[in-house]
PDB file of N, CA and C in Angstrom:
ATOM      1  N   UNK A   1    -106.378 -19.442  74.082  1.00  0.00           N
ATOM      2  CA  UNK A   1    -105.831 -18.673  73.373  1.00  0.00           C
ATOM      3  C   UNK A   1    -105.023 -17.866  74.388  1.00  0.00           C
ATOM      4  N   UNK A   2    -104.782 -17.699  75.468  1.00  0.00           N
ATOM      5  CA  UNK A   2    -104.373 -16.325  76.193  1.00  0.00           C
ATOM      6  C   UNK A   2    -102.607 -16.247  76.615  1.00  0.00           C
ATOM      7  N   UNK A   3    -102.529 -18.123  76.291  1.00  0.00           N
ATOM      8  CA  UNK A   3    -101.042 -18.639  76.746  1.00  0.00           C
ATOM      9  C   UNK A   3    -100.565 -18.157  75.311  1.00  0.00           C
ATOM     10  N   UNK A   4    -101.333 -18.749  74.162  1.00  0.00           N
ATOM     11  CA  UNK A   4    -100.889 -18.940  72.584  1.00  0.00           C
ATOM     12  C   UNK A   4     -99.907 -17.453  72.411  1.00  0.00           C
ATOM     13  N   UNK A   5    -101.286 -16.437  72.949  1.00  0.00           N
ATOM     14  CA  UNK A   5    -100.642 -14.990  72.316  1.00  0.00           C
ATOM     15  C   UNK A   5     -99.417 -14.655  73.283  1.00  0.00           C
ATOM     16  N   UNK A   6     -99.481 -15.133  74.735  1.00  0.00           N
ATOM     17  CA  UNK A   6     -98.413 -15.664  75.841  1.00  0.00           C
ATOM     18  C   UNK A   6     -96.878 -15.603  74.777  1.00  0.00           C
ATOM     19  N   UNK A   7     -96.990 -16.713  74.968  1.00  0.00           N
ATOM     20  CA  UNK A   7     -95.733 -17.665  73.746  1.00  0.00           C
ATOM     21  C   UNK A   7     -95.387 -16.885  73.059  1.00  0.00           C
ATOM     22  N   UNK A   8     -96.140 -16.161  72.193  1.00  0.00           N
ATOM     23  CA  UNK A   8     -95.671 -15.638  70.588  1.00  0.00           C
ATOM     24  C   UNK A   8     -95.185 -13.836  71.364  1.00  0.00           C
ATOM     25  N   UNK A   9     -95.771 -13.260  72.444  1.00  0.00           N
ATOM     26  CA  UNK A   9     -95.234 -12.496  72.681  1.00  0.00           C
ATOM     27  C   UNK A   9     -94.124 -12.256  73.335  1.00  0.00           C
ATOM     28  N   UNK A  10     -94.109 -13.961  74.055  1.00  0.00           N
ATOM     29  CA  UNK A  10     -92.154 -13.753  74.586  1.00  0.00           C
ATOM     30  C   UNK A  10     -91.398 -13.923  73.457  1.00  0.00           C
ATOM     31  N   UNK A  11     -91.595 -15.111  71.898  1.00  0.00           N
ATOM     32  CA  UNK A  11     -90.540 -14.861  71.359  1.00  0.00           C
ATOM     33  C   UNK A  11     -90.407 -13.576  71.027  1.00  0.00           C
ATOM     34  N   UNK A  12     -91.277 -12.601  70.047  1.00  0.00           N
ATOM     35  CA  UNK A  12     -91.084 -11.482  69.812  1.00  0.00           C
ATOM     36  C   UNK A  12     -90.380 -10.942  71.158  1.00  0.00           C
ATOM     37  N   UNK A  13     -90.473  -9.963  72.462  1.00  0.00           N
ATOM     38  CA  UNK A  13     -89.321 -10.078  72.990  1.00  0.00           C
ATOM     39  C   UNK A  13     -88.493 -10.762  72.914  1.00  0.00           C
ATOM     40  N   UNK A  14     -88.009 -11.450  72.929  1.00  0.00           N
ATOM     41  CA  UNK A  14     -86.651 -12.036  72.937  1.00  0.00           C
ATOM     42  C   UNK A  14     -86.029 -11.466  71.627  1.00  0.00           C
ATOM     43  N   UNK A  15     -86.894 -11.705  70.358  1.00  0.00           N
ATOM     44  CA  UNK A  15     -86.227 -11.803  68.848  1.00  0.00           C
ATOM     45  C   UNK A  15     -85.513 -10.096  69.379  1.00  0.00           C
ATOM     46  N   UNK A  16     -86.629  -9.540  69.825  1.00  0.00           N
ATOM     47  CA  UNK A  16     -85.948  -8.130  70.035  1.00  0.00           C
ATOM     48  C   UNK A  16     -84.722  -7.303  70.836  1.00  0.00           C
ATOM     49  N   UNK A  17     -84.880  -8.684  72.126  1.00  0.00           N
ATOM     50  CA  UNK A  17     -83.858  -8.728  73.241  1.00  0.00           C
ATOM     51  C   UNK A  17     -82.081  -8.662  72.272  1.00  0.00           C
ATOM     52  N   UNK A  18     -82.045 -10.315  71.115  1.00  0.00           N
ATOM     53  CA  UNK A  18     -80.976 -10.349  70.325  1.00  0.00           C
ATOM     54  C   UNK A  18     -80.835  -9.166  68.982  1.00  0.00           C
ATOM     55  N   UNK A  19     -81.940  -8.422  68.843  1.00  0.00           N
ATOM     56  CA  UNK A  19     -81.913  -7.756  67.560  1.00  0.00           C
ATOM     57  C   UNK A  19     -81.390  -6.154  68.538  1.00  0.00           C
ATOM     58  N   UNK A  20     -81.183  -6.190  69.903  1.00  0.00           N
ATOM     59  CA  UNK A  20     -80.599  -5.257  70.213  1.00  0.00           C
ATOM     60  C   UNK A  20     -79.751  -5.292  70.294  1.00  0.00           C
ATOM     61  N   UNK A  21     -78.734  -6.397  70.763  1.00  0.00           N
ATOM     62  CA  UNK A  21     -77.181  -6.951  70.613  1.00  0.00           C
ATOM     63  C   UNK A  21     -76.720  -7.009  70.159  1.00  0.00           C
ATOM     64  N   UNK A  22     -77.277  -7.652  69.136  1.00  0.00           N
ATOM     65  CA  UNK A  22     -76.387  -6.827  67.598  1.00  0.00           C
ATOM     66  C   UNK A  22     -76.974  -6.420  67.341  1.00  0.00           C
ATOM     67  N   UNK A  23     -77.425  -4.574  67.254  1.00  0.00           N
ATOM     68  CA  UNK A  23     -77.173  -3.384  66.747  1.00  0.00           C
ATOM     69  C   UNK A  23     -75.695  -3.000  68.058  1.00  0.00           C
ATOM     70  N   UNK A  24     -75.843  -3.459  68.803  1.00  0.00           N
ATOM     71  CA  UNK A  24     -74.894  -3.303  69.819  1.00  0.00           C
ATOM     72  C   UNK A  24     -73.555  -3.847  68.843  1.00  0.00           C
ATOM     73  N   UNK A  25     -73.303  -5.053  69.026  1.00  0.00           N
ATOM     74  CA  UNK A  25     -72.101  -5.162  68.189  1.00  0.00           C
ATOM     75  C   UNK A  25     -71.946  -4.656  66.960  1.00  0.00           C
ATOM     76  N   UNK A  26     -72.315  -3.965  66.231  1.00  0.00           N
ATOM     77  CA  UNK A  26     -72.540  -3.652  64.472  1.00  0.00           C
ATOM     78  C   UNK A  26     -71.877  -1.914  64.742  1.00  0.00           C
ATOM     79  N   UNK A  27     -72.494  -1.554  66.416  1.00  0.00           N
ATOM     80  CA  UNK A  27     -72.442  -0.020  66.517  1.00  0.00           C
ATOM     81  C   UNK A  27     -70.273   0.186  67.397  1.00  0.00           C
ATOM     82  N   UNK A  28     -69.937  -1.346  67.683  1.00  0.00           N
ATOM     83  CA  UNK A  28     -68.788  -1.320  68.464  1.00  0.00           C
ATOM     84  C   UNK A  28     -67.985  -1.486  67.558  1.00  0.00           C
ATOM     85  N   UNK A  29     -68.188  -2.175  66.403  1.00  0.00           N
ATOM     86  CA  UNK A  29     -67.593  -2.323  65.185  1.00  0.00           C
ATOM     87  C   UNK A  29     -66.504  -1.932  64.440  1.00  0.00           C
ATOM     88  N   UNK A  30     -65.196  -1.469  64.367  1.00  0.00           N
ATOM     89  CA  UNK A  30     -64.812  -0.830  63.383  1.00  0.00           C
ATOM     90  C   UNK A  30     -63.800  -1.242  62.595  1.00  0.00           C
ATOM     91  N   UNK A  31     -63.367  -2.205  62.223  1.00  0.00           N
ATOM     92  CA  UNK A  31     -62.906  -2.633  61.052  1.00  0.00           C
ATOM     93  C   UNK A  31     -63.471  -4.106  60.774  1.00  0.00           C
ATOM     94  N   UNK A  32     -63.369  -4.822  59.592  1.00  0.00           N
ATOM     95  CA  UNK A  32     -63.868  -5.751  58.422  1.00  0.00           C
ATOM     96  C   UNK A  32     -63.040  -6.998  58.208  1.00  0.00           C
ATOM     97  N   UNK A  33     -62.551  -7.894  58.225  1.00  0.00           N
ATOM     98  CA  UNK A  33     -61.697  -8.537  58.134  1.00  0.00           C
ATOM     99  C   UNK A  33     -61.899  -8.876  56.368  1.00  0.00           C
ATOM    100  N   UNK A  34     -60.715  -8.990  55.713  1.00  0.00           N
ATOM    101  CA  UNK A  34     -61.100  -9.344  54.112  1.00  0.00           C
ATOM    102  C   UNK A  34     -59.781  -9.936  53.736  1.00  0.00           C
ATOM    103  N   UNK A  35     -59.657 -11.224  53.822  1.00  0.00           N
ATOM    104  CA  UNK A  35     -58.810 -11.835  53.991  1.00  0.00           C
ATOM    105  C   UNK A  35     -57.989 -12.417  54.650  1.00  0.00           C
ATOM    106  N   UNK A  36     -56.051 -11.402  54.595  1.00  0.00           N
ATOM    107  CA  UNK A  36     -55.720 -11.116  55.897  1.00  0.00           C
ATOM    108  C   UNK A  36     -55.708  -9.983  56.135  1.00  0.00           C
ATOM    109  N   UNK A  37     -56.048  -9.125  55.683  1.00  0.00           N
ATOM    110  CA  UNK A  37     -56.014  -7.631  56.064  1.00  0.00           C
ATOM    111  C   UNK A  37     -57.689  -7.359  56.766  1.00  0.00           C
ATOM    112  N   UNK A  38     -57.412  -6.424  57.219  1.00  0.00           N
ATOM    113  CA  UNK A  38     -58.728  -5.847  58.570  1.00  0.00           C
ATOM    114  C   UNK A  38     -58.537  -4.738  58.008  1.00  0.00           C
ATOM    115  N   UNK A  39     -59.562  -3.810  57.703  1.00  0.00           N
ATOM    116  CA  UNK A  39     -60.249  -2.818  57.351  1.00  0.00           C
ATOM    117  C   UNK A  39     -61.022  -1.872  57.848  1.00  0.00           C
ATOM    118  N   UNK A  40     -61.172  -0.813  57.879  1.00  0.00           N
ATOM    119  CA  UNK A  40     -61.331   0.815  59.135  1.00  0.00           C
ATOM    120  C   UNK A  40     -63.344  -0.060  58.369  1.00  0.00           C
ATOM    121  N   UNK A  41     -64.168   0.278  58.648  1.00  0.00           N
ATOM    122  CA  UNK A  41     -65.394  -0.116  57.994  1.00  0.00           C
ATOM    123  C   UNK A  41     -66.008   1.631  57.847  1.00  0.00           C
ATOM    124  N   UNK A  42     -66.110   1.332  57.381  1.00  0.00           N
ATOM    125  CA  UNK A  42     -66.816   3.055  56.576  1.00  0.00           C
ATOM    126  C   UNK A  42     -68.263   3.951  57.384  1.00  0.00           C
ATOM    127  N   UNK A  43     -68.586   4.481  57.354  1.00  0.00           N
ATOM    128  CA  UNK A  43     -69.942   4.175  57.975  1.00  0.00           C
ATOM    129  C   UNK A  43     -70.997   4.470  57.194  1.00  0.00           C
ATOM    130  N   UNK A  44     -70.977   4.389  55.429  1.00  0.00           N
ATOM    131  CA  UNK A  44     -71.983   4.338  55.172  1.00  0.00           C
ATOM    132  C   UNK A  44     -72.103   1.911  54.918  1.00  0.00           C
ATOM    133  N   UNK A  45     -71.122   1.204  55.210  1.00  0.00           N
ATOM    134  CA  UNK A  45     -71.140   0.030  55.447  1.00  0.00           C
ATOM    135  C   UNK A  45     -71.730   0.233  56.908  1.00  0.00           C
ATOM    136  N   UNK A  46     -70.948   0.428  58.138  1.00  0.00           N
ATOM    137  CA  UNK A  46     -72.065   0.533  59.387  1.00  0.00           C
ATOM    138  C   UNK A  46     -72.884   0.702  58.573  1.00  0.00           C
ATOM    139  N   UNK A  47     -73.683   1.603  58.484  1.00  0.00           N
ATOM    140  CA  UNK A  47     -74.906   2.557  57.609  1.00  0.00           C
ATOM    141  C   UNK A  47     -75.879   1.106  57.240  1.00  0.00           C
ATOM    142  N   UNK A  48     -75.394   0.313  56.106  1.00  0.00           N
ATOM    143  CA  UNK A  48     -75.343  -1.256  55.442  1.00  0.00           C
ATOM    144  C   UNK A  48     -75.821  -2.322  56.738  1.00  0.00           C
ATOM    145  N   UNK A  49     -74.912  -2.612  57.319  1.00  0.00           N
ATOM    146  CA  UNK A  49     -75.079  -3.330  58.156  1.00  0.00           C
ATOM    147  C   UNK A  49     -75.481  -3.694  59.281  1.00  0.00           C
ATOM    148  N   UNK A  50     -76.043  -2.160  59.904  1.00  0.00           N
ATOM    149  CA  UNK A  50     -77.501  -1.902  60.341  1.00  0.00           C
ATOM    150  C   UNK A  50     -78.771  -2.181  60.404  1.00  0.00           C
ATOM    151  N   UNK A  51     -79.008  -1.082  58.838  1.00  0.00           N
ATOM    152  CA  UNK A  51     -79.943  -1.817  58.223  1.00  0.00           C
ATOM    153  C   UNK A  51     -80.460  -3.399  57.676  1.00  0.00           C
ATOM    154  N   UNK A  52     -79.406  -4.711  57.685  1.00  0.00           N
ATOM    155  CA  UNK A  52     -79.532  -5.440  57.544  1.00  0.00           C
ATOM    156  C   UNK A  52     -79.999  -5.958  58.637  1.00  0.00           C
ATOM    157  N   UNK A  53     -79.660  -5.961  60.269  1.00  0.00           N
ATOM    158  CA  UNK A  53     -80.086  -6.821  60.931  1.00  0.00           C
ATOM    159  C   UNK A  53     -81.033  -6.207  61.517  1.00  0.00           C
ATOM    160  N   UNK A  54     -82.087  -4.285  61.598  1.00  0.00           N
ATOM    161  CA  UNK A  54     -82.991  -4.273  61.463  1.00  0.00           C
ATOM    162  C   UNK A  54     -84.113  -5.052  60.622  1.00  0.00           C
ATOM    163  N   UNK A  55     -83.609  -5.162  59.132  1.00  0.00           N
ATOM    164  CA  UNK A  55     -84.911  -5.496  58.186  1.00  0.00           C
ATOM    165  C   UNK A  55     -84.702  -7.456  58.785  1.00  0.00           C
ATOM    166  N   UNK A  56     -83.798  -8.046  59.242  1.00  0.00           N
ATOM    167  CA  UNK A  56     -83.266  -9.246  59.145  1.00  0.00           C
ATOM    168  C   UNK A  56     -84.293  -9.522  60.981  1.00  0.00           C
ATOM    169  N   UNK A  57     -84.191  -9.252  61.573  1.00  0.00           N
ATOM    170  CA  UNK A  57     -85.684  -9.004  62.866  1.00  0.00           C
ATOM    171  C   UNK A  57     -86.688  -8.212  62.709  1.00  0.00           C
ATOM    172  N   UNK A  58     -86.626  -7.281  61.941  1.00  0.00           N
ATOM    173  CA  UNK A  58     -88.262  -6.784  61.883  1.00  0.00           C
ATOM    174  C   UNK A  58     -88.300  -7.790  61.066  1.00  0.00           C
ATOM    175  N   UNK A  59     -88.348  -8.691  60.265  1.00  0.00           N
ATOM    176  CA  UNK A  59     -88.601  -9.839  58.970  1.00  0.00           C
ATOM    177  C   UNK A  59     -89.206 -10.811  60.249  1.00  0.00           C
ATOM    178  N   UNK A  60     -89.028 -11.475  61.141  1.00  0.00           N
ATOM    179  CA  UNK A  60     -88.785 -12.840  61.594  1.00  0.00           C
ATOM    180  C   UNK A  60     -90.498 -11.914  62.422  1.00  0.00           C
ATOM    181  N   UNK A  61     -89.946 -10.763  63.501  1.00  0.00           N
ATOM    182  CA  UNK A  61     -91.297 -10.586  63.792  1.00  0.00           C
ATOM    183  C   UNK A  61     -92.195 -10.397  63.484  1.00  0.00           C
ATOM    184  N   UNK A  62     -92.266  -9.994  62.439  1.00  0.00           N
ATOM    185  CA  UNK A  62     -93.573  -9.762  61.569  1.00  0.00           C
ATOM    186  C   UNK A  62     -94.385 -10.722  61.266  1.00  0.00           C
ATOM    187  N   UNK A  63     -93.439 -11.861  61.012  1.00  0.00           N
ATOM    188  CA  UNK A  63     -94.074 -13.187  60.431  1.00  0.00           C
ATOM    189  C   UNK A  63     -95.125 -13.680  62.019  1.00  0.00           C
ATOM    190  N   UNK A  64     -93.964 -13.606  62.925  1.00  0.00           N
ATOM    191  CA  UNK A  64     -94.397 -13.898  64.164  1.00  0.00           C
ATOM    192  C   UNK A  64     -96.520 -12.990  64.121  1.00  0.00           C
ATOM    193  N   UNK A  65     -96.121 -12.155  64.531  1.00  0.00           N
ATOM    194  CA  UNK A  65     -97.330 -10.959  64.208  1.00  0.00           C
ATOM    195  C   UNK A  65     -97.783 -11.526  63.499  1.00  0.00           C
ATOM    196  N   UNK A  66     -98.120 -12.012  62.033  1.00  0.00           N
ATOM    197  CA  UNK A  66     -98.442 -12.473  61.609  1.00  0.00           C
ATOM    198  C   UNK A  66    -100.032 -13.435  61.425  1.00  0.00           C
ATOM    199  N   UNK A  67     -99.149 -14.975  61.931  1.00  0.00           N
ATOM    200  CA  UNK A  67     -99.793 -15.957  62.438  1.00  0.00           C
ATOM    201  C   UNK A  67    -100.368 -16.131  63.389  1.00  0.00           C
ATOM    202  N   UNK A  68     -99.491 -14.288  64.466  1.00  0.00           N
ATOM    203  CA  UNK A  68    -100.766 -14.048  65.476  1.00  0.00           C
ATOM    204  C   UNK A  68    -102.203 -14.036  65.074  1.00  0.00           C
ATOM    205  N   UNK A  69    -101.966 -12.672  64.788  1.00  0.00           N
ATOM    206  CA  UNK A  69    -102.789 -12.432  64.466  1.00  0.00           C
ATOM    207  C   UNK A  69    -104.005 -13.233  63.223  1.00  0.00           C
ATOM    208  N   UNK A  70    -103.249 -14.210  62.763  1.00  0.00           N
ATOM    209  CA  UNK A  70    -104.326 -14.897  62.333  1.00  0.00           C
ATOM    210  C   UNK A  70    -104.999 -15.554  62.586  1.00  0.00           C
ATOM    211  N   UNK A  71    -104.717 -16.111  64.023  1.00  0.00           N
ATOM    212  CA  UNK A  71    -104.923 -17.041  64.951  1.00  0.00           C
ATOM    213  C   UNK A  71    -106.302 -16.493  65.169  1.00  0.00           C
ATOM    214  N   UNK A  72    -106.161 -15.131  66.224  1.00  0.00           N
ATOM    215  CA  UNK A  72    -106.642 -14.560  66.429  1.00  0.00           C
ATOM    216  C   UNK A  72    -107.856 -14.025  65.467  1.00  0.00           C
ATOM    217  N   UNK A  73    -108.083 -13.980  64.379  1.00  0.00           N
ATOM    218  CA  UNK A  73    -109.199 -13.587  63.712  1.00  0.00           C
ATOM    219  C   UNK A  73    -109.737 -14.772  63.232  1.00  0.00           C
ATOM    220  N   UNK A  74    -109.023 -15.648  63.498  1.00  0.00           N
ATOM    221  CA  UNK A  74    -110.435 -17.204  64.063  1.00  0.00           C
ATOM    222  C   UNK A  74    -110.988 -17.273  65.258  1.00  0.00           C
ATOM    223  N   UNK A  75    -110.109 -17.423  65.255  1.00  0.00           N
ATOM    224  CA  UNK A  75    -110.580 -16.482  67.225  1.00  0.00           C
ATOM    225  C   UNK A  75    -112.165 -16.338  66.708  1.00  0.00           C
ATOM    226  N   UNK A  76    -112.532 -15.097  66.075  1.00  0.00           N
ATOM    227  CA  UNK A  76    -112.818 -13.485  66.613  1.00  0.00           C
ATOM    228  C   UNK A  76    -112.766 -12.843  67.136  1.00  0.00           C
ATOM    229  N   UNK A  77    -110.973 -12.782  67.386  1.00  0.00           N
ATOM    230  CA  UNK A  77    -110.331 -11.598  68.548  1.00  0.00           C
ATOM    231  C   UNK A  77    -110.323 -10.916  67.508  1.00  0.00           C
ATOM    232  N   UNK A  78    -109.843  -9.598  68.040  1.00  0.00           N
ATOM    233  CA  UNK A  78    -109.784  -8.075  67.076  1.00  0.00           C
ATOM    234  C   UNK A  78    -107.555  -8.370  67.111  1.00  0.00           C
ATOM    235  N   UNK A  79    -106.903  -7.832  66.130  1.00  0.00           N
ATOM    236  CA  UNK A  79    -105.828  -8.159  65.588  1.00  0.00           C
ATOM    237  C   UNK A  79    -104.356  -7.080  66.562  1.00  0.00           C
ATOM    238  N   UNK A  80    -103.301  -8.000  66.093  1.00  0.00           N
ATOM    239  CA  UNK A  80    -102.642  -7.301  67.548  1.00  0.00           C
ATOM    240  C   UNK A  80    -102.205  -5.679  66.036  1.00  0.00           C
ATOM    241  N   UNK A  81    -101.563  -5.362  66.876  1.00  0.00           N
ATOM    242  CA  UNK A  81    -100.762  -4.177  66.133  1.00  0.00           C
ATOM    243  C   UNK A  81     -99.438  -4.171  66.439  1.00  0.00           C
ATOM    244  N   UNK A  82     -97.945  -4.760  65.544  1.00  0.00           N
ATOM    245  CA  UNK A  82     -96.733  -5.251  65.598  1.00  0.00           C
ATOM    246  C   UNK A  82     -96.641  -3.774  65.856  1.00  0.00           C
ATOM    247  N   UNK A  83     -95.531  -3.673  66.940  1.00  0.00           N
ATOM    248  CA  UNK A  83     -95.067  -2.412  67.332  1.00  0.00           C
ATOM    249  C   UNK A  83     -94.345  -1.990  66.842  1.00  0.00           C
ATOM    250  N   UNK A  84     -93.132  -3.021  65.684  1.00  0.00           N
ATOM    251  CA  UNK A  84     -92.164  -2.834  65.003  1.00  0.00           C
ATOM    252  C   UNK A  84     -92.035  -2.368  63.631  1.00  0.00           C
ATOM    253  N   UNK A  85     -93.244  -2.713  63.764  1.00  0.00           N
ATOM    254  CA  UNK A  85     -92.906  -2.603  62.083  1.00  0.00           C
ATOM    255  C   UNK A  85     -93.300  -1.005  61.440  1.00  0.00           C
ATOM    256  N   UNK A  86     -91.616  -0.335  61.616  1.00  0.00           N
ATOM    257  CA  UNK A  86     -92.152   0.847  60.194  1.00  0.00           C
ATOM    258  C   UNK A  86     -92.281   0.939  59.753  1.00  0.00           C
ATOM    259  N   UNK A  87     -93.120   2.571  58.312  1.00  0.00           N
ATOM    260  CA  UNK A  87     -93.793   2.982  58.223  1.00  0.00           C
ATOM    261  C   UNK A  87     -92.477   3.375  57.300  1.00  0.00           C
ATOM    262  N   UNK A  88     -92.824   3.825  56.102  1.00  0.00           N
ATOM    263  CA  UNK A  88     -91.371   4.458  54.837  1.00  0.00           C
ATOM    264  C   UNK A  88     -90.257   5.849  55.743  1.00  0.00           C
ATOM    265  N   UNK A  89     -91.422   6.540  56.463  1.00  0.00           N
ATOM    266  CA  UNK A  89     -90.776   7.823  56.827  1.00  0.00           C
ATOM    267  C   UNK A  89     -90.095   7.916  58.426  1.00  0.00           C
ATOM    268  N   UNK A  90     -90.371   6.440  58.289  1.00  0.00           N
ATOM    269  CA  UNK A  90     -89.419   6.353  60.378  1.00  0.00           C
ATOM    270  C   UNK A  90     -90.080   6.201  61.510  1.00  0.00           C
ATOM    271  N   UNK A  91     -91.356   6.161  60.923  1.00  0.00           N
ATOM    272  CA  UNK A  91     -92.263   6.139  61.884  1.00  0.00           C
ATOM    273  C   UNK A  91     -93.274   5.081  62.591  1.00  0.00           C
ATOM    274  N   UNK A  92     -93.291   4.995  63.691  1.00  0.00           N
ATOM    275  CA  UNK A  92     -94.178   3.821  64.117  1.00  0.00           C
ATOM    276  C   UNK A  92     -95.066   4.656  65.213  1.00  0.00           C
ATOM    277  N   UNK A  93     -96.503   3.670  64.236  1.00  0.00           N
ATOM    278  CA  UNK A  93     -97.021   3.842  64.788  1.00  0.00           C
ATOM    279  C   UNK A  93     -97.740   5.872  65.068  1.00  0.00           C
ATOM    280  N   UNK A  94     -96.940   6.313  64.022  1.00  0.00           N
ATOM    281  CA  UNK A  94     -97.165   7.775  64.450  1.00  0.00           C
ATOM    282  C   UNK A  94     -95.397   8.449  64.761  1.00  0.00           C
ATOM    283  N   UNK A  95     -95.038   8.416  65.823  1.00  0.00           N
ATOM    284  CA  UNK A  95     -94.044   8.555  66.077  1.00  0.00           C
ATOM    285  C   UNK A  95     -92.525   8.233  65.331  1.00  0.00           C
ATOM    286  N   UNK A  96     -92.019   9.539  65.342  1.00  0.00           N
ATOM    287  CA  UNK A  96     -90.945   8.893  64.866  1.00  0.00           C
ATOM    288  C   UNK A  96     -89.712   8.353  65.460  1.00  0.00           C
ATOM    289  N   UNK A  97     -88.941   7.668  65.246  1.00  0.00           N
ATOM    290  CA  UNK A  97     -87.993   6.784  65.713  1.00  0.00           C
ATOM    291  C   UNK A  97     -86.791   6.760  65.203  1.00  0.00           C
ATOM    292  N   UNK A  98     -86.630   7.987  63.573  1.00  0.00           N
ATOM    293  CA  UNK A  98     -85.279   8.117  63.187  1.00  0.00           C
ATOM    294  C   UNK A  98     -84.436   9.012  64.276  1.00  0.00           C
ATOM    295  N   UNK A  99     -83.048   8.595  63.970  1.00  0.00           N
ATOM    296  CA  UNK A  99     -82.483   9.187  65.754  1.00  0.00           C
ATOM    297  C   UNK A  99     -82.061  10.039  64.444  1.00  0.00           C
ATOM    298  N   UNK A 100     -81.456  11.288  64.945  1.00  0.00           N
ATOM    299  CA  UNK A 100     -81.464  12.588  64.354  1.00  0.00           C
ATOM    300  C   UNK A 100     -79.856  12.778  64.768  1.00  0.00           C
ATOM    301  N   UNK A 101     -79.646  13.252  64.022  1.00  0.00           N
ATOM    302  CA  UNK A 101     -77.678  13.201  64.208  1.00  0.00           C
ATOM    303  C   UNK A 101     -77.316  15.516  65.132  1.00  0.00           C
ATOM    304  N   UNK A 102     -76.763  15.700  65.828  1.00  0.00           N
ATOM    305  CA  UNK A 102     -76.398  16.884  66.167  1.00  0.00           C
ATOM    306  C   UNK A 102     -75.948  18.106  65.831  1.00  0.00           C
TER     307      UNK A 102
END
């Protein structure tokens, strides 16, 4: 069971690293290509892209945690808390992780 947990958490770590790289690419992107033209990205479009990346990776991580918790529960162990699962207020485990603008 211990090896299974380590393997699953390693998958989560790799996905989180991919997510950080993808978010870095999105934040550095200034234009988008539409046909032959390059158009400047608006703040709303960039925000939408960031939201899409976050949702994509968070859902993949949630699937791993759900499968792992299912196996842990069947084996009689306590379930693990998914720290990447945010509630509607932008909080993760009671801490506010929403980036504040100055």
